[in-house]
Amino acid sequence: MLTTLLAASLSASSFSVAEVTVRELWDRSTLVALGRVEQVERIPREVPGWPLPSLGSGGFDGRGATIARVRMLRIFRGPKAIDSILVPADASWICDVTTANIGETAFFFLEASRVRVEEGSPFRARIDDVFGEHDFLQIAYYGRGRIPVTGDGRTIDPDQGLGWPPGLRDLSRESCGRRKNAYADFIELLETYGRLEQDLSFTASSTPSDSGSLAWSIAVSNDGSCRLLVHSPEKPIEGFPNPRRGRECILHLDPQRLRDLRASLETESFRNLPSDLGAMRPGPDQREMHFVRDGKDVGVRLFAIDPAWMSEPSRREETRRALRVWGKIRGLFEDGACADSRYEDAPWLAEAR
């Protein structure tokens, strides 16, 4: 069972809340679900055992606290057996947008909070009397973890102070060769995040090439769904990471190409390769690949593959085996913006024939 918790209250201040990406919401959330708000009640201040002192405005103030009961319609992350959960529905400070409206359907990203409601306290007894016994979580990131479903029930509002994958913001996947509505995209996004946590097959990444192609990383589940991140060369803003300058795509990879990749792991005896190949010096097209094999991570890093490295006979065959596996990985997706070292690798592979 989830820990019984209530939202922390903060004093109003002049600080604003930085934009947060959907992925960052996912990473900080204990429970991610599509839910419907079925009950909203105000718990009065006079109940003994009030968890926080008066704040003067909003949240757990002198008037009481608003609590919402959310029915789980579809759970993407967290215990699947949860039927409904309670969430505080008051803003706790000036930049908090927490709310919940009776009857609404929304995607909820829910996280643990800083203030506990003690079991056996009169306040807890009052909540149980109103709602029945339930667990508490708070809406993540000061309310930004609530994304309402609007219109015909198949639309979401992208203007929530979130960093969205480009395809969701413009209701398309055109940059990844796909197009459908944002609601369906968002469902697929969350399902893919879940599969990559529970059934990861492999990950791979590349630094930028010297021709200007971009760095990228990919994570692939065993069913072929994957998350491709294309990283922007633009510098962070004022020293802070700027992930929204990149591009995120959710794809389904070609089954035959995946089978060919898996077969190459056996033919190239991937698990027996050294973990590091190439000269360890700065250079373009440095690559890394990790496969889950029998529950263990098996990885190879490819640094600078140059004539000096390949002049050593003992290195050549192992390096070629790793390059052939890498070629299968890079062949899984077509994106001209992403670094692709297969052309540079071709001469080393041709020498083996």
Protein backbone atom coordinates (compact mmCIF):
# COMPACT_ATOMS: atom_id res chain seq x y z
CA MET A 1 0.00 0.00 0.00
CA LEU A 2 1.14 3.52 -0.69
CA THR A 3 2.21 5.63 2.25
CA THR A 4 -0.50 7.88 3.64
CA LEU A 5 0.57 11.39 2.78
CA LEU A 6 -0.69 14.94 2.28
CA ALA A 7 0.73 17.82 0.29
CA ALA A 8 3.29 20.09 1.83
CA SER A 9 2.40 23.74 2.16
CA LEU A 10 4.86 26.48 1.31
CA SER A 11 4.77 30.17 1.98
CA ALA A 12 3.95 32.36 -1.02
CA SER A 13 7.06 33.86 -2.53
CA SER A 14 8.27 35.68 -5.59
CA PHE A 15 9.86 32.54 -7.03
CA SER A 16 8.35 30.88 -10.08
CA VAL A 17 8.33 27.17 -10.89
CA ALA A 18 10.59 26.10 -13.75
CA GLU A 19 9.07 24.23 -16.67
CA VAL A 20 9.12 20.48 -16.27
CA THR A 21 9.09 17.85 -19.01
CA VAL A 22 6.65 14.96 -19.18
CA ARG A 23 9.55 12.57 -18.66
CA GLU A 24 10.65 14.46 -15.54
CA LEU A 25 7.11 14.21 -14.19
CA TRP A 26 7.20 10.46 -14.85
CA ASP A 27 10.53 10.01 -13.10
CA ARG A 28 9.40 11.76 -9.92
CA SER A 29 5.95 10.12 -9.70
CA THR A 30 5.01 7.09 -7.63
CA LEU A 31 1.74 6.63 -9.51
CA VAL A 32 0.87 7.66 -13.09
CA ALA A 33 -2.69 7.04 -14.20
CA LEU A 34 -5.68 8.17 -16.18
CA GLY A 35 -8.32 8.95 -13.57
CA ARG A 36 -11.71 10.52 -12.97
CA VAL A 37 -12.44 12.87 -10.05
CA GLU A 38 -15.51 11.34 -8.41
CA GLN A 39 -15.68 13.20 -5.10
CA VAL A 40 -14.41 16.54 -3.78
CA GLU A 41 -14.96 17.46 -0.13
CA ARG A 42 -13.85 20.21 2.24
CA ILE A 43 -12.49 19.05 5.60
CA PRO A 44 -13.15 21.85 8.15
CA ARG A 45 -10.43 23.41 10.26
CA GLU A 46 -12.09 22.59 13.57
CA VAL A 47 -11.24 18.91 13.22
CA PRO A 48 -8.60 18.10 15.89
CA GLY A 49 -5.23 16.96 14.69
CA TRP A 50 -5.01 19.55 11.90
CA PRO A 51 -1.68 18.78 10.15
CA LEU A 52 -0.48 22.32 9.48
CA PRO A 53 -0.81 25.77 11.05
CA SER A 54 -2.85 28.52 9.43
CA LEU A 55 -1.23 29.93 6.30
CA GLY A 56 -3.53 32.87 5.78
CA SER A 57 -4.42 32.03 2.16
CA GLY A 58 -4.86 28.86 0.14
CA GLY A 59 -4.01 25.29 0.96
CA PHE A 60 -4.23 24.06 4.54
CA ASP A 61 -5.38 27.39 5.89
CA GLY A 62 -7.78 28.45 8.64
CA ARG A 63 -10.84 27.45 6.58
CA GLY A 64 -9.92 23.83 5.95
CA ALA A 65 -8.56 21.63 3.18
CA THR A 66 -10.09 20.38 -0.06
CA ILE A 67 -9.59 16.67 -0.71
CA ALA A 68 -10.48 14.87 -3.96
CA ARG A 69 -11.06 11.18 -4.56
CA VAL A 70 -9.77 10.05 -7.95
CA ARG A 71 -10.96 6.79 -9.50
CA MET A 72 -8.22 4.99 -11.41
CA LEU A 73 -9.26 4.24 -15.00
CA ARG A 74 -5.87 3.11 -16.33
CA ILE A 75 -2.59 2.80 -14.44
CA PHE A 76 0.68 3.28 -16.32
CA ARG A 77 3.07 3.26 -13.40
CA GLY A 78 2.57 2.00 -9.88
CA PRO A 79 0.49 -0.75 -8.22
CA LYS A 80 -2.19 -1.97 -10.63
CA ALA A 81 -4.60 -2.97 -7.86
CA ILE A 82 -5.34 0.59 -6.74
CA ASP A 83 -9.00 1.43 -7.31
CA SER A 84 -9.01 5.05 -6.15
CA ILE A 85 -6.80 7.44 -4.24
CA LEU A 86 -7.11 10.74 -2.38
CA VAL A 87 -5.26 13.89 -3.43
CA PRO A 88 -5.19 17.33 -1.79
CA ALA A 89 -6.81 19.79 -4.19
CA ASP A 90 -5.68 23.16 -2.79
CA ALA A 91 -2.83 25.30 -4.02
CA SER A 92 -0.22 25.64 -1.29
CA TRP A 93 1.64 28.72 -2.55
CA ILE A 94 1.49 31.39 -5.21
CA CYS A 95 2.93 29.28 -8.07
CA ASP A 96 1.07 26.10 -7.14
CA VAL A 97 -1.66 25.25 -9.69
CA THR A 98 -3.03 22.23 -7.83
CA THR A 99 -6.77 21.73 -8.25
CA ALA A 100 -9.32 19.00 -8.99
CA ASN A 101 -12.80 19.41 -10.43
CA ILE A 102 -15.64 16.99 -9.79
CA GLY A 103 -16.38 14.83 -12.82
CA GLU A 104 -13.22 15.67 -14.76
CA THR A 105 -11.01 13.05 -16.38
CA ALA A 106 -7.28 13.72 -16.40
CA PHE A 107 -3.87 12.12 -16.53
CA PHE A 108 -2.49 12.27 -12.99
CA PHE A 109 1.19 12.15 -12.05
CA LEU A 110 1.17 11.59 -8.28
CA GLU A 111 4.08 11.77 -5.90
CA ALA A 112 4.76 11.36 -2.20
CA SER A 113 4.64 14.54 -0.16
CA ARG A 114 6.32 16.04 2.85
CA VAL A 115 3.49 16.14 5.43
CA ARG A 116 2.05 13.03 7.00
CA VAL A 117 -1.48 12.57 8.27
CA GLU A 118 -1.01 10.37 11.30
CA GLU A 119 -2.92 7.12 11.48
CA GLY A 120 -5.37 7.17 14.40
CA SER A 121 -5.56 10.97 14.56
CA PRO A 122 -8.98 12.68 14.65
CA PHE A 123 -8.15 14.38 11.36
CA ARG A 124 -7.45 11.02 9.72
CA ALA A 125 -10.63 9.58 11.23
CA ARG A 126 -12.65 12.43 9.72
CA ILE A 127 -11.16 11.81 6.27
CA ASP A 128 -11.88 8.09 6.56
CA ASP A 129 -15.44 8.88 7.61
CA VAL A 130 -15.95 11.06 4.51
CA PHE A 131 -14.14 8.96 1.91
CA GLY A 132 -13.57 5.54 3.42
CA GLU A 133 -10.02 4.25 3.88
CA HIS A 134 -7.78 5.45 1.07
CA ASP A 135 -4.13 6.23 0.45
CA PHE A 136 -2.92 9.77 -0.14
CA LEU A 137 -0.56 11.17 -2.75
CA GLN A 138 -0.16 14.69 -4.07
CA ILE A 139 -0.32 15.96 -7.64
CA ALA A 140 3.29 16.17 -8.79
CA TYR A 141 5.30 19.34 -9.24
CA TYR A 142 2.89 21.81 -7.66
CA GLY A 143 -0.11 20.70 -9.67
CA ARG A 144 1.56 20.35 -13.06
CA GLY A 145 1.06 16.60 -12.84
CA ARG A 146 -2.63 16.97 -13.68
CA ILE A 147 -3.34 17.01 -17.43
CA PRO A 148 -7.09 17.24 -18.15
CA VAL A 149 -8.76 15.35 -20.96
CA THR A 150 -11.07 17.79 -22.74
CA GLY A 151 -13.54 18.07 -25.60
CA ASP A 152 -14.76 14.70 -26.81
CA GLY A 153 -12.68 12.86 -24.22
CA ARG A 154 -9.87 12.28 -26.70
CA THR A 155 -8.03 15.60 -26.48
CA ILE A 156 -5.46 16.90 -24.03
CA ASP A 157 -4.37 20.47 -23.48
CA PRO A 158 -0.64 20.95 -24.19
CA ASP A 159 -0.51 24.37 -22.51
CA GLN A 160 0.16 23.19 -18.98
CA GLY A 161 3.60 24.69 -18.32
CA LEU A 162 5.15 21.40 -19.41
CA GLY A 163 7.95 20.57 -21.82
CA TRP A 164 6.18 18.33 -24.34
CA PRO A 165 7.64 16.07 -26.99
CA PRO A 166 7.19 18.03 -30.24
CA GLY A 167 4.64 15.60 -31.66
CA LEU A 168 2.30 16.17 -28.72
CA ARG A 169 2.53 19.94 -28.82
CA ASP A 170 1.54 20.19 -32.50
CA LEU A 171 -0.79 17.14 -32.41
CA SER A 172 1.40 15.19 -34.81
CA ARG A 173 4.42 12.95 -35.09
CA GLU A 174 5.51 14.40 -38.40
CA SER A 175 9.14 14.68 -37.33
CA CYS A 176 9.11 10.92 -36.75
CA GLY A 177 6.98 10.03 -39.76
CA ARG A 178 3.72 9.55 -37.87
CA ARG A 179 0.52 11.48 -37.28
CA LYS A 180 -2.39 11.02 -34.87
CA ASN A 181 -4.15 12.92 -32.12
CA ALA A 182 -2.42 14.05 -28.95
CA TYR A 183 -4.50 11.86 -26.62
CA ALA A 184 -3.49 8.67 -28.46
CA ASP A 185 0.11 9.89 -28.61
CA PHE A 186 0.13 10.55 -24.89
CA ILE A 187 -1.25 7.09 -24.09
CA GLU A 188 1.46 5.57 -26.26
CA LEU A 189 4.12 7.74 -24.65
CA LEU A 190 3.19 6.58 -21.14
CA GLU A 191 2.82 2.94 -22.18
CA THR A 192 6.27 3.03 -23.74
CA TYR A 193 7.82 4.59 -20.63
CA GLY A 194 6.28 1.75 -18.62
CA ARG A 195 7.51 -1.00 -20.95
CA LEU A 196 11.02 0.42 -20.96
CA GLU A 197 11.08 0.17 -17.16
CA GLN A 198 9.64 -3.32 -16.97
CA ASP A 199 10.84 -5.06 -20.14
CA LEU A 200 13.96 -3.29 -21.43
CA SER A 201 15.84 -5.01 -24.25
CA PHE A 202 18.71 -2.62 -24.96
CA THR A 203 19.94 0.97 -25.01
CA ALA A 204 22.38 2.70 -27.34
CA SER A 205 23.76 6.19 -27.82
CA SER A 206 26.11 8.16 -30.06
CA THR A 207 27.95 11.46 -29.75
CA PRO A 208 27.68 13.98 -32.63
CA SER A 209 29.53 13.31 -35.87
CA ASP A 210 32.12 15.64 -37.38
CA SER A 211 29.70 16.32 -40.26
CA GLY A 212 27.27 18.10 -37.92
CA SER A 213 24.82 15.25 -37.34
CA LEU A 214 23.34 15.24 -33.85
CA ALA A 215 23.93 13.08 -30.82
CA TRP A 216 21.16 10.63 -30.00
CA SER A 217 20.13 7.90 -27.61
CA ILE A 218 17.60 5.11 -27.87
CA ALA A 219 15.96 2.71 -25.43
CA VAL A 220 14.08 -0.32 -26.80
CA SER A 221 11.73 -2.76 -25.08
CA ASN A 222 11.41 -6.42 -26.04
CA ASP A 223 8.21 -5.77 -28.00
CA GLY A 224 9.99 -3.26 -30.25
CA SER A 225 8.55 -0.03 -28.85
CA CYS A 226 11.24 2.53 -28.24
CA ARG A 227 12.08 6.05 -27.16
CA LEU A 228 14.45 7.96 -29.42
CA LEU A 229 16.01 11.18 -28.14
CA VAL A 230 17.78 13.46 -30.61
CA HIS A 231 19.98 15.83 -28.64
CA SER A 232 20.37 19.45 -29.63
CA PRO A 233 23.87 20.97 -29.85
CA GLU A 234 22.58 24.19 -28.29
CA LYS A 235 24.15 25.08 -24.98
CA PRO A 236 22.17 24.96 -21.73
CA ILE A 237 20.40 28.13 -20.63
CA GLU A 238 22.38 29.99 -17.95
CA GLY A 239 24.20 26.82 -17.04
CA PHE A 240 21.07 24.72 -16.51
CA PRO A 241 20.09 21.73 -18.69
CA ASN A 242 17.76 22.58 -21.53
CA PRO A 243 16.18 19.22 -22.51
CA ARG A 244 13.37 20.82 -24.52
CA ARG A 245 15.84 21.83 -27.22
CA GLY A 246 16.05 18.21 -28.25
CA ARG A 247 13.46 15.98 -29.86
CA GLU A 248 11.73 12.93 -28.43
CA CYS A 249 10.07 10.28 -30.59
CA ILE A 250 8.12 7.17 -29.64
CA LEU A 251 8.51 4.53 -32.35
CA HIS A 252 7.72 0.91 -33.11
CA LEU A 253 10.72 -0.74 -34.74
CA ASP A 254 10.62 -3.12 -37.66
CA PRO A 255 10.32 -6.72 -36.30
CA GLN A 256 12.61 -8.22 -38.94
CA ARG A 257 15.38 -5.72 -38.25
CA LEU A 258 15.08 -6.49 -34.56
CA ARG A 259 15.35 -10.20 -35.26
CA ASP A 260 18.45 -9.56 -37.35
CA LEU A 261 19.98 -7.54 -34.51
CA ARG A 262 19.26 -10.26 -31.95
CA ALA A 263 20.74 -12.89 -34.25
CA SER A 264 23.90 -10.80 -34.63
CA LEU A 265 24.42 -10.84 -30.85
CA GLU A 266 24.88 -14.58 -31.11
CA THR A 267 26.87 -14.73 -34.35
CA GLU A 268 29.22 -12.00 -33.14
CA SER A 269 29.47 -13.46 -29.61
CA PHE A 270 28.61 -10.04 -28.22
CA ARG A 271 28.75 -11.06 -24.56
CA ASN A 272 32.43 -12.01 -25.00
CA LEU A 273 33.54 -8.67 -26.45
CA PRO A 274 35.70 -6.27 -24.38
CA SER A 275 33.70 -3.54 -22.70
CA ASP A 276 35.89 -0.83 -24.31
CA LEU A 277 37.18 -0.70 -27.88
CA GLY A 278 39.01 2.11 -29.65
CA ALA A 279 41.42 4.84 -28.63
CA MET A 280 40.16 6.75 -25.59
CA ARG A 281 40.52 10.29 -26.87
CA PRO A 282 38.05 13.03 -27.82
CA GLY A 283 36.51 12.46 -31.20
CA PRO A 284 33.24 12.22 -33.14
CA ASP A 285 30.98 9.19 -33.39
CA GLN A 286 31.76 7.69 -30.01
CA ARG A 287 29.15 5.06 -29.28
CA GLU A 288 27.80 2.91 -26.49
CA MET A 289 25.41 -0.06 -26.48
CA HIS A 290 23.99 -2.14 -23.63
CA PHE A 291 21.88 -5.30 -23.90
CA VAL A 292 19.99 -7.13 -21.19
CA ARG A 293 21.11 -10.76 -21.50
CA ASP A 294 19.84 -13.33 -18.98
CA GLY A 295 19.01 -10.53 -16.56
CA LYS A 296 22.46 -8.95 -16.77
CA ASP A 297 23.71 -5.82 -18.52
CA VAL A 298 26.24 -6.54 -21.27
CA GLY A 299 27.74 -3.40 -22.75
CA VAL A 300 30.38 -2.21 -25.21
CA ARG A 301 31.73 1.31 -25.68
CA LEU A 302 33.27 2.26 -29.02
CA PHE A 303 35.75 5.12 -28.85
CA ALA A 304 37.91 6.41 -31.73
CA ILE A 305 38.37 3.65 -34.31
CA ASP A 306 41.31 4.79 -36.43
CA PRO A 307 44.27 3.31 -38.36
CA ALA A 308 46.48 3.32 -35.29
CA TRP A 309 43.91 1.28 -33.36
CA MET A 310 43.22 -1.15 -36.20
CA SER A 311 46.93 -1.64 -36.94
CA GLU A 312 47.13 -3.99 -33.99
CA PRO A 313 46.04 -7.46 -35.28
CA SER A 314 44.70 -8.60 -31.90
CA ARG A 315 42.16 -5.78 -31.90
CA ARG A 316 40.78 -6.06 -35.40
CA GLU A 317 38.38 -8.97 -35.18
CA GLU A 318 36.79 -7.93 -31.90
CA THR A 319 36.35 -4.38 -33.18
CA ARG A 320 34.76 -5.59 -36.41
CA ARG A 321 32.33 -7.79 -34.50
CA ALA A 322 31.27 -4.80 -32.40
CA LEU A 323 30.92 -2.58 -35.49
CA ARG A 324 28.68 -5.14 -37.19
CA VAL A 325 26.36 -5.17 -34.18
CA TRP A 326 26.39 -1.37 -34.10
CA GLY A 327 25.44 -1.26 -37.77
CA LYS A 328 22.33 -3.34 -36.98
CA ILE A 329 21.37 -0.90 -34.21
CA ARG A 330 21.77 2.20 -36.36
CA GLY A 331 19.78 0.52 -39.13
CA LEU A 332 16.73 0.25 -36.87
CA PHE A 333 15.62 3.83 -37.50
CA GLU A 334 15.87 6.36 -40.30
CA ASP A 335 16.63 9.88 -39.15
CA GLY A 336 19.01 11.95 -41.19
CA ALA A 337 19.65 14.36 -38.34
CA CYS A 338 21.18 11.62 -36.17
CA ALA A 339 24.87 10.75 -36.23
CA ASP A 340 25.48 7.68 -38.40
CA SER A 341 28.99 6.19 -38.45
CA ARG A 342 28.23 3.29 -40.78
CA TYR A 343 29.93 5.01 -43.74
CA GLU A 344 33.10 5.56 -41.71
CA ASP A 345 32.95 1.99 -40.39
CA ALA A 346 32.60 0.44 -43.86
CA PRO A 347 36.35 0.41 -44.76
CA TRP A 348 37.24 -1.47 -41.56
CA LEU A 349 34.54 -4.04 -42.23
CA ALA A 350 35.48 -4.40 -45.90
CA GLU A 351 39.03 -5.42 -44.95
CA ALA A 352 37.66 -8.55 -43.29
CA ARG A 353 36.20 -9.92 -46.56
